Amino acid sequence: MGRGEAMKKYMFIFLLTTIFFLSACGVGMLPSKDPWYAKHYFIMQDFEREAYKSLTPQGRLDFQKLFWEARQPVAKEQFDTRIAFIERVYKTENHTQPWNTDRARVYLLNGPPASIDYRQNNDWMTKAIMNSGQTGSRDVSDRSNEDIQANIAEVWVYPYEKYFVYYIFTFSPPSSWKLNPSTFQNNQYLQALENLNKDLTFGIVDLEDYKAKLEALPHKK
């Protein structure tokens, strides 16, 4: 392979990784002036985001009602439960919008991970297994050592079919955890996992009827 071809291949991989990172993360781009939109952004379908942005203020209020009417009641219950957890656990990262953080986004969409690993002193150690009850494990809600800078990476593990999907968060003082770009390297099932959880947990019951109702809402001129 020539130098030019190698450079093109490198740039393609870089751009692809960047696109995945921005589409899956996107925390910094959330509309912070619209709390409802920011809170629901990560579970919304693309067409819902586009529709919401095109509506008048009254249209957006009507949209917010239709959004949950189009889904099963259990979806709203699951959402409220996860948001309550996020507001309690991740408020140290964002006091006004704790759901507008990387770990909160992943938790809101995928629920609690099967396990959480920590990288400390260059060794990988499993420090937590959700609800395992094993010695040395702790629940994900226990953030007692969150400000210890020695824990430089936090890895959330989710099963997907016969595979595992890993989310890698890097600690950023004084109290933030950022999704590391390495999450998207050799992690080909990440997007499939998120799409699956979005459909299973927050799926729309009657898509065509829902779209028709959204189209009838008052739009901006």
C-alpha atoms as a PDB file:
ATOM      1  CA  MET A   1       0.000   0.000   0.000  1.00  0.00           C
ATOM      2  CA  GLY A   2       1.407   3.392  -1.034  1.00  0.00           C
ATOM      3  CA  ARG A   3       1.811   6.313   1.320  1.00  0.00           C
ATOM      4  CA  GLY A   4      -1.113   8.162  -0.268  1.00  0.00           C
ATOM      5  CA  GLU A   5      -3.451   5.197   0.077  1.00  0.00           C
ATOM      6  CA  ALA A   6      -2.370   4.657   3.669  1.00  0.00           C
ATOM      7  CA  MET A   7      -3.109   8.305   4.466  1.00  0.00           C
ATOM      8  CA  LYS A   8      -6.568   8.068   2.865  1.00  0.00           C
ATOM      9  CA  LYS A   9      -7.316   4.938   4.884  1.00  0.00           C
ATOM     10  CA  TYR A  10      -6.172   6.654   8.074  1.00  0.00           C
ATOM     11  CA  MET A  11      -8.328   9.716   7.394  1.00  0.00           C
ATOM     12  CA  PHE A  12     -11.354   7.525   6.639  1.00  0.00           C
ATOM     13  CA  ILE A  13     -10.975   5.649   9.932  1.00  0.00           C
ATOM     14  CA  PHE A  14     -10.477   8.935  11.797  1.00  0.00           C
ATOM     15  CA  LEU A  15     -13.591  10.510  10.278  1.00  0.00           C
ATOM     16  CA  LEU A  16     -15.662   7.384  10.901  1.00  0.00           C
ATOM     17  CA  THR A  17     -14.583   7.284  14.541  1.00  0.00           C
ATOM     18  CA  THR A  18     -15.361  10.983  14.929  1.00  0.00           C
ATOM     19  CA  ILE A  19     -18.837  10.551  13.455  1.00  0.00           C
ATOM     20  CA  PHE A  20     -19.605   7.659  15.784  1.00  0.00           C
ATOM     21  CA  PHE A  21     -18.291   9.635  18.739  1.00  0.00           C
ATOM     22  CA  LEU A  22     -20.379  12.716  17.991  1.00  0.00           C
ATOM     23  CA  SER A  23     -23.551  10.804  17.191  1.00  0.00           C
ATOM     24  CA  ALA A  24     -23.339   8.558  20.219  1.00  0.00           C
ATOM     25  CA  CYS A  25     -22.153  11.191  22.654  1.00  0.00           C
ATOM     26  CA  GLY A  26     -23.215  14.673  21.621  1.00  0.00           C
ATOM     27  CA  VAL A  27     -23.469  15.870  25.209  1.00  0.00           C
ATOM     28  CA  GLY A  28     -21.831  19.217  24.565  1.00  0.00           C
ATOM     29  CA  MET A  29     -24.250  19.946  21.731  1.00  0.00           C
ATOM     30  CA  LEU A  30     -27.451  19.519  23.733  1.00  0.00           C
ATOM     31  CA  PRO A  31     -29.921  22.430  23.822  1.00  0.00           C
ATOM     32  CA  SER A  32     -29.371  23.425  27.449  1.00  0.00           C
ATOM     33  CA  LYS A  33     -31.984  26.211  27.249  1.00  0.00           C
ATOM     34  CA  ASP A  34     -34.746  23.643  26.690  1.00  0.00           C
ATOM     35  CA  PRO A  35     -34.639  21.255  29.681  1.00  0.00           C
ATOM     36  CA  TRP A  36     -37.334  18.916  28.310  1.00  0.00           C
ATOM     37  CA  TYR A  37     -35.545  18.499  24.987  1.00  0.00           C
ATOM     38  CA  ALA A  38     -32.180  18.004  26.674  1.00  0.00           C
ATOM     39  CA  LYS A  39     -33.607  15.405  29.035  1.00  0.00           C
ATOM     40  CA  HIS A  40     -35.318  13.409  26.263  1.00  0.00           C
ATOM     41  CA  TYR A  41     -32.809  14.001  23.472  1.00  0.00           C
ATOM     42  CA  PHE A  42     -31.007  10.666  23.713  1.00  0.00           C
ATOM     43  CA  ILE A  43     -34.126   8.507  23.585  1.00  0.00           C
ATOM     44  CA  MET A  44     -35.742  10.434  20.721  1.00  0.00           C
ATOM     45  CA  GLN A  45     -35.792   9.169  17.157  1.00  0.00           C
ATOM     46  CA  ASP A  46     -34.137  11.371  14.522  1.00  0.00           C
ATOM     47  CA  PHE A  47     -37.471  12.376  12.993  1.00  0.00           C
ATOM     48  CA  GLU A  48     -38.732  13.437  16.427  1.00  0.00           C
ATOM     49  CA  ARG A  49     -35.778  15.753  16.941  1.00  0.00           C
ATOM     50  CA  GLU A  50     -36.329  17.366  13.562  1.00  0.00           C
ATOM     51  CA  ALA A  51     -40.062  17.729  14.186  1.00  0.00           C
ATOM     52  CA  TYR A  52     -39.560  19.233  17.634  1.00  0.00           C
ATOM     53  CA  LYS A  53     -37.178  21.913  16.367  1.00  0.00           C
ATOM     54  CA  SER A  54     -39.677  22.991  13.699  1.00  0.00           C
ATOM     55  CA  LEU A  55     -42.586  23.578  16.093  1.00  0.00           C
ATOM     56  CA  THR A  56     -43.926  26.725  17.720  1.00  0.00           C
ATOM     57  CA  PRO A  57     -43.746  27.021  21.538  1.00  0.00           C
ATOM     58  CA  GLN A  58     -47.314  25.694  21.812  1.00  0.00           C
ATOM     59  CA  GLY A  59     -46.510  22.971  19.307  1.00  0.00           C
ATOM     60  CA  ARG A  60     -43.608  21.824  21.475  1.00  0.00           C
ATOM     61  CA  LEU A  61     -45.848  21.588  24.520  1.00  0.00           C
ATOM     62  CA  ASP A  62     -48.283  19.461  22.512  1.00  0.00           C
ATOM     63  CA  PHE A  63     -45.365  17.374  21.242  1.00  0.00           C
ATOM     64  CA  GLN A  64     -44.231  16.634  24.788  1.00  0.00           C
ATOM     65  CA  LYS A  65     -47.648  15.177  25.574  1.00  0.00           C
ATOM     66  CA  LEU A  66     -47.836  13.154  22.351  1.00  0.00           C
ATOM     67  CA  PHE A  67     -44.309  11.845  22.870  1.00  0.00           C
ATOM     68  CA  TRP A  68     -45.339   9.664  25.805  1.00  0.00           C
ATOM     69  CA  GLU A  69     -48.840   8.929  24.555  1.00  0.00           C
ATOM     70  CA  ALA A  70     -47.204   7.215  21.566  1.00  0.00           C
ATOM     71  CA  ARG A  71     -45.335   4.823  23.873  1.00  0.00           C
ATOM     72  CA  GLN A  72     -46.280   2.168  26.382  1.00  0.00           C
ATOM     73  CA  PRO A  73     -46.890   3.419  29.965  1.00  0.00           C
ATOM     74  CA  VAL A  74     -44.024   1.233  31.172  1.00  0.00           C
ATOM     75  CA  ALA A  75     -41.647   3.276  29.002  1.00  0.00           C
ATOM     76  CA  LYS A  76     -42.471   6.446  30.948  1.00  0.00           C
ATOM     77  CA  GLU A  77     -42.086   4.569  34.225  1.00  0.00           C
ATOM     78  CA  GLN A  78     -38.665   3.295  33.158  1.00  0.00           C
ATOM     79  CA  PHE A  79     -37.641   6.767  32.050  1.00  0.00           C
ATOM     80  CA  ASP A  80     -38.708   8.380  35.337  1.00  0.00           C
ATOM     81  CA  THR A  81     -36.886   5.715  37.348  1.00  0.00           C
ATOM     82  CA  ARG A  82     -33.651   6.205  35.430  1.00  0.00           C
ATOM     83  CA  ILE A  83     -33.893   9.999  35.542  1.00  0.00           C
ATOM     84  CA  ALA A  84     -34.403   9.877  39.318  1.00  0.00           C
ATOM     85  CA  PHE A  85     -31.245   7.780  39.620  1.00  0.00           C
ATOM     86  CA  ILE A  86     -29.307  10.129  37.329  1.00  0.00           C
ATOM     87  CA  GLU A  87     -30.400  13.235  39.230  1.00  0.00           C
ATOM     88  CA  ARG A  88     -29.244  11.653  42.478  1.00  0.00           C
ATOM     89  CA  VAL A  89     -25.954  10.128  41.330  1.00  0.00           C
ATOM     90  CA  TYR A  90     -24.558  12.374  38.587  1.00  0.00           C
ATOM     91  CA  LYS A  91     -25.448  15.822  39.907  1.00  0.00           C
ATOM     92  CA  THR A  92     -21.807  16.398  40.899  1.00  0.00           C
ATOM     93  CA  GLU A  93     -20.947  16.564  37.187  1.00  0.00           C
ATOM     94  CA  ASN A  94     -23.765  18.904  36.174  1.00  0.00           C
ATOM     95  CA  HIS A  95     -25.840  20.455  38.946  1.00  0.00           C
ATOM     96  CA  THR A  96     -28.555  21.921  36.717  1.00  0.00           C
ATOM     97  CA  GLN A  97     -28.838  19.123  34.119  1.00  0.00           C
ATOM     98  CA  PRO A  98     -27.238  15.925  35.457  1.00  0.00           C
ATOM     99  CA  TRP A  99     -28.705  13.979  32.533  1.00  0.00           C
ATOM    100  CA  ASN A 100     -26.525  16.114  30.243  1.00  0.00           C
ATOM    101  CA  THR A 101     -23.393  14.067  31.010  1.00  0.00           C
ATOM    102  CA  ASP A 102     -21.752  11.120  29.281  1.00  0.00           C
ATOM    103  CA  ARG A 103     -22.427   8.478  31.909  1.00  0.00           C
ATOM    104  CA  ALA A 104     -26.003   9.674  32.368  1.00  0.00           C
ATOM    105  CA  ARG A 105     -26.661   9.385  28.633  1.00  0.00           C
ATOM    106  CA  VAL A 106     -25.482   5.785  28.565  1.00  0.00           C
ATOM    107  CA  TYR A 107     -27.420   4.915  31.715  1.00  0.00           C
ATOM    108  CA  LEU A 108     -30.611   6.547  30.446  1.00  0.00           C
ATOM    109  CA  LEU A 109     -30.489   4.661  27.166  1.00  0.00           C
ATOM    110  CA  ASN A 110     -29.092   1.277  28.237  1.00  0.00           C
ATOM    111  CA  GLY A 111     -29.960   1.056  31.915  1.00  0.00           C
ATOM    112  CA  PRO A 112     -27.484  -0.205  34.530  1.00  0.00           C
ATOM    113  CA  PRO A 113     -24.447  -2.053  33.157  1.00  0.00           C
ATOM    114  CA  ALA A 114     -23.845  -5.717  33.861  1.00  0.00           C
ATOM    115  CA  SER A 115     -20.545  -4.773  35.479  1.00  0.00           C
ATOM    116  CA  ILE A 116     -18.233  -1.822  36.032  1.00  0.00           C
ATOM    117  CA  ASP A 117     -14.460  -2.172  35.786  1.00  0.00           C
ATOM    118  CA  TYR A 118     -11.825   0.306  36.953  1.00  0.00           C
ATOM    119  CA  ARG A 119      -8.323   0.810  35.663  1.00  0.00           C
ATOM    120  CA  GLN A 120      -5.938   1.708  38.451  1.00  0.00           C
ATOM    121  CA  ASN A 121      -2.145   1.679  38.482  1.00  0.00           C
ATOM    122  CA  ASN A 122      -2.096   0.159  34.974  1.00  0.00           C
ATOM    123  CA  ASP A 123      -3.974  -2.956  36.095  1.00  0.00           C
ATOM    124  CA  TRP A 124      -7.543  -3.831  35.159  1.00  0.00           C
ATOM    125  CA  MET A 125      -9.549  -4.803  38.216  1.00  0.00           C
ATOM    126  CA  THR A 126     -13.200  -5.664  38.400  1.00  0.00           C
ATOM    127  CA  LYS A 127     -14.455  -3.513  41.252  1.00  0.00           C
ATOM    128  CA  ALA A 128     -18.193  -3.771  40.812  1.00  0.00           C
ATOM    129  CA  ILE A 129     -20.695  -6.296  39.562  1.00  0.00           C
ATOM    130  CA  MET A 130     -24.244  -5.074  39.548  1.00  0.00           C
ATOM    131  CA  ASN A 131     -26.308  -6.713  42.292  1.00  0.00           C
ATOM    132  CA  SER A 132     -23.844  -9.600  42.562  1.00  0.00           C
ATOM    133  CA  GLY A 133     -23.541  -9.586  46.327  1.00  0.00           C
ATOM    134  CA  GLN A 134     -19.967 -10.847  45.991  1.00  0.00           C
ATOM    135  CA  THR A 135     -17.209  -9.725  48.341  1.00  0.00           C
ATOM    136  CA  GLY A 136     -15.505  -6.597  47.046  1.00  0.00           C
ATOM    137  CA  SER A 137     -18.329  -5.599  44.729  1.00  0.00           C
ATOM    138  CA  ARG A 138     -20.414  -2.478  45.075  1.00  0.00           C
ATOM    139  CA  ASP A 139     -23.559  -1.098  43.530  1.00  0.00           C
ATOM    140  CA  VAL A 140     -23.277   1.455  40.719  1.00  0.00           C
ATOM    141  CA  SER A 141     -24.961   4.058  42.944  1.00  0.00           C
ATOM    142  CA  ASP A 142     -21.992   3.995  45.343  1.00  0.00           C
ATOM    143  CA  ARG A 143     -19.732   6.800  44.088  1.00  0.00           C
ATOM    144  CA  SER A 144     -17.692   7.047  47.297  1.00  0.00           C
ATOM    145  CA  ASN A 145     -14.339   6.991  45.509  1.00  0.00           C
ATOM    146  CA  GLU A 146     -15.391   9.077  42.524  1.00  0.00           C
ATOM    147  CA  ASP A 147     -12.935  11.886  43.237  1.00  0.00           C
ATOM    148  CA  ILE A 148      -9.934   9.611  43.628  1.00  0.00           C
ATOM    149  CA  GLN A 149      -7.805  10.484  40.621  1.00  0.00           C
ATOM    150  CA  ALA A 150      -6.000   7.147  40.775  1.00  0.00           C
ATOM    151  CA  ASN A 151      -9.080   5.615  39.139  1.00  0.00           C
ATOM    152  CA  ILE A 152      -8.300   6.977  35.705  1.00  0.00           C
ATOM    153  CA  ALA A 153     -10.830   4.955  33.727  1.00  0.00           C
ATOM    154  CA  GLU A 154     -14.256   3.479  34.356  1.00  0.00           C
ATOM    155  CA  VAL A 155     -15.501   0.760  32.009  1.00  0.00           C
ATOM    156  CA  TRP A 156     -19.176  -0.166  31.742  1.00  0.00           C
ATOM    157  CA  VAL A 157     -19.883  -3.598  30.306  1.00  0.00           C
ATOM    158  CA  TYR A 158     -23.135  -4.553  28.562  1.00  0.00           C
ATOM    159  CA  PRO A 159     -23.953  -7.937  27.026  1.00  0.00           C
ATOM    160  CA  TYR A 160     -25.231  -7.912  23.460  1.00  0.00           C
ATOM    161  CA  GLU A 161     -26.273 -11.286  22.046  1.00  0.00           C
ATOM    162  CA  LYS A 162     -23.132 -13.414  22.557  1.00  0.00           C
ATOM    163  CA  TYR A 163     -20.821 -10.383  22.679  1.00  0.00           C
ATOM    164  CA  PHE A 164     -19.959  -7.580  25.087  1.00  0.00           C
ATOM    165  CA  VAL A 165     -20.077  -3.831  24.519  1.00  0.00           C
ATOM    166  CA  TYR A 166     -17.720  -1.594  26.496  1.00  0.00           C
ATOM    167  CA  TYR A 167     -18.110   2.084  27.365  1.00  0.00           C
ATOM    168  CA  ILE A 168     -14.865   3.647  28.588  1.00  0.00           C
ATOM    169  CA  PHE A 169     -15.069   6.809  30.697  1.00  0.00           C
ATOM    170  CA  THR A 170     -11.989   8.829  31.603  1.00  0.00           C
ATOM    171  CA  PHE A 171     -11.886  10.789  34.841  1.00  0.00           C
ATOM    172  CA  SER A 172     -11.446  14.540  34.444  1.00  0.00           C
ATOM    173  CA  PRO A 173     -10.853  16.530  37.663  1.00  0.00           C
ATOM    174  CA  PRO A 174     -12.506  17.765  39.676  1.00  0.00           C
ATOM    175  CA  SER A 175     -15.569  15.523  39.222  1.00  0.00           C
ATOM    176  CA  SER A 176     -16.306  14.644  35.587  1.00  0.00           C
ATOM    177  CA  TRP A 177     -16.175  11.404  33.631  1.00  0.00           C
ATOM    178  CA  LYS A 178     -15.888  11.793  29.857  1.00  0.00           C
ATOM    179  CA  LEU A 179     -16.591   9.127  27.262  1.00  0.00           C
ATOM    180  CA  ASN A 180     -13.225   8.171  25.825  1.00  0.00           C
ATOM    181  CA  PRO A 181     -12.932   7.990  21.998  1.00  0.00           C
ATOM    182  CA  SER A 182     -11.355   4.547  22.403  1.00  0.00           C
ATOM    183  CA  THR A 183     -14.881   3.356  23.202  1.00  0.00           C
ATOM    184  CA  PHE A 184     -15.590   3.348  19.473  1.00  0.00           C
ATOM    185  CA  GLN A 185     -12.534   1.352  18.448  1.00  0.00           C
ATOM    186  CA  ASN A 186     -13.250  -2.330  17.782  1.00  0.00           C
ATOM    187  CA  ASN A 187     -16.668  -1.869  19.381  1.00  0.00           C
ATOM    188  CA  GLN A 188     -18.811  -2.698  16.373  1.00  0.00           C
ATOM    189  CA  TYR A 189     -21.916  -3.683  18.351  1.00  0.00           C
ATOM    190  CA  LEU A 190     -22.241  -0.442  20.332  1.00  0.00           C
ATOM    191  CA  GLN A 191     -24.648   1.235  17.923  1.00  0.00           C
ATOM    192  CA  ALA A 192     -26.665  -1.966  17.569  1.00  0.00           C
ATOM    193  CA  LEU A 193     -26.980  -2.199  21.360  1.00  0.00           C
ATOM    194  CA  GLU A 194     -28.194   1.393  21.646  1.00  0.00           C
ATOM    195  CA  ASN A 195     -30.689   1.011  18.806  1.00  0.00           C
ATOM    196  CA  LEU A 196     -32.009  -2.192  20.355  1.00  0.00           C
ATOM    197  CA  ASN A 197     -32.456  -0.640  23.794  1.00  0.00           C
ATOM    198  CA  LYS A 198     -34.079   2.457  22.323  1.00  0.00           C
ATOM    199  CA  ASP A 199     -36.636   0.299  20.506  1.00  0.00           C
ATOM    200  CA  LEU A 200     -37.235  -2.166  23.340  1.00  0.00           C
ATOM    201  CA  THR A 201     -37.497   0.362  26.160  1.00  0.00           C
ATOM    202  CA  PHE A 202     -38.796   3.478  24.412  1.00  0.00           C
ATOM    203  CA  GLY A 203     -40.334   2.089  21.232  1.00  0.00           C
ATOM    204  CA  ILE A 204     -43.291   3.762  19.477  1.00  0.00           C
ATOM    205  CA  VAL A 205     -46.533   1.761  19.384  1.00  0.00           C
ATOM    206  CA  ASP A 206     -48.127   3.095  16.165  1.00  0.00           C
ATOM    207  CA  LEU A 207     -45.518   4.939  14.119  1.00  0.00           C
ATOM    208  CA  GLU A 208     -47.723   6.135  11.249  1.00  0.00           C
ATOM    209  CA  ASP A 209     -50.463   7.454  13.524  1.00  0.00           C
ATOM    210  CA  TYR A 210     -47.867   9.204  15.660  1.00  0.00           C
ATOM    211  CA  LYS A 211     -46.211  10.874  12.674  1.00  0.00           C
ATOM    212  CA  ALA A 212     -49.585  12.084  11.416  1.00  0.00           C
ATOM    213  CA  LYS A 213     -50.334  13.695  14.776  1.00  0.00           C
ATOM    214  CA  LEU A 214     -46.934  15.374  14.837  1.00  0.00           C
ATOM    215  CA  GLU A 215     -47.479  16.743  11.347  1.00  0.00           C
ATOM    216  CA  ALA A 216     -50.743  18.338  12.502  1.00  0.00           C
ATOM    217  CA  LEU A 217     -49.027  20.310  15.271  1.00  0.00           C
ATOM    218  CA  PRO A 218     -48.460  24.058  14.769  1.00  0.00           C
ATOM    219  CA  HIS A 219     -45.141  24.633  13.001  1.00  0.00           C
ATOM    220  CA  LYS A 220     -43.033  27.745  12.718  1.00  0.00           C
ATOM    221  CA  LYS A 221     -43.761  29.936   9.716  1.00  0.00           C
END
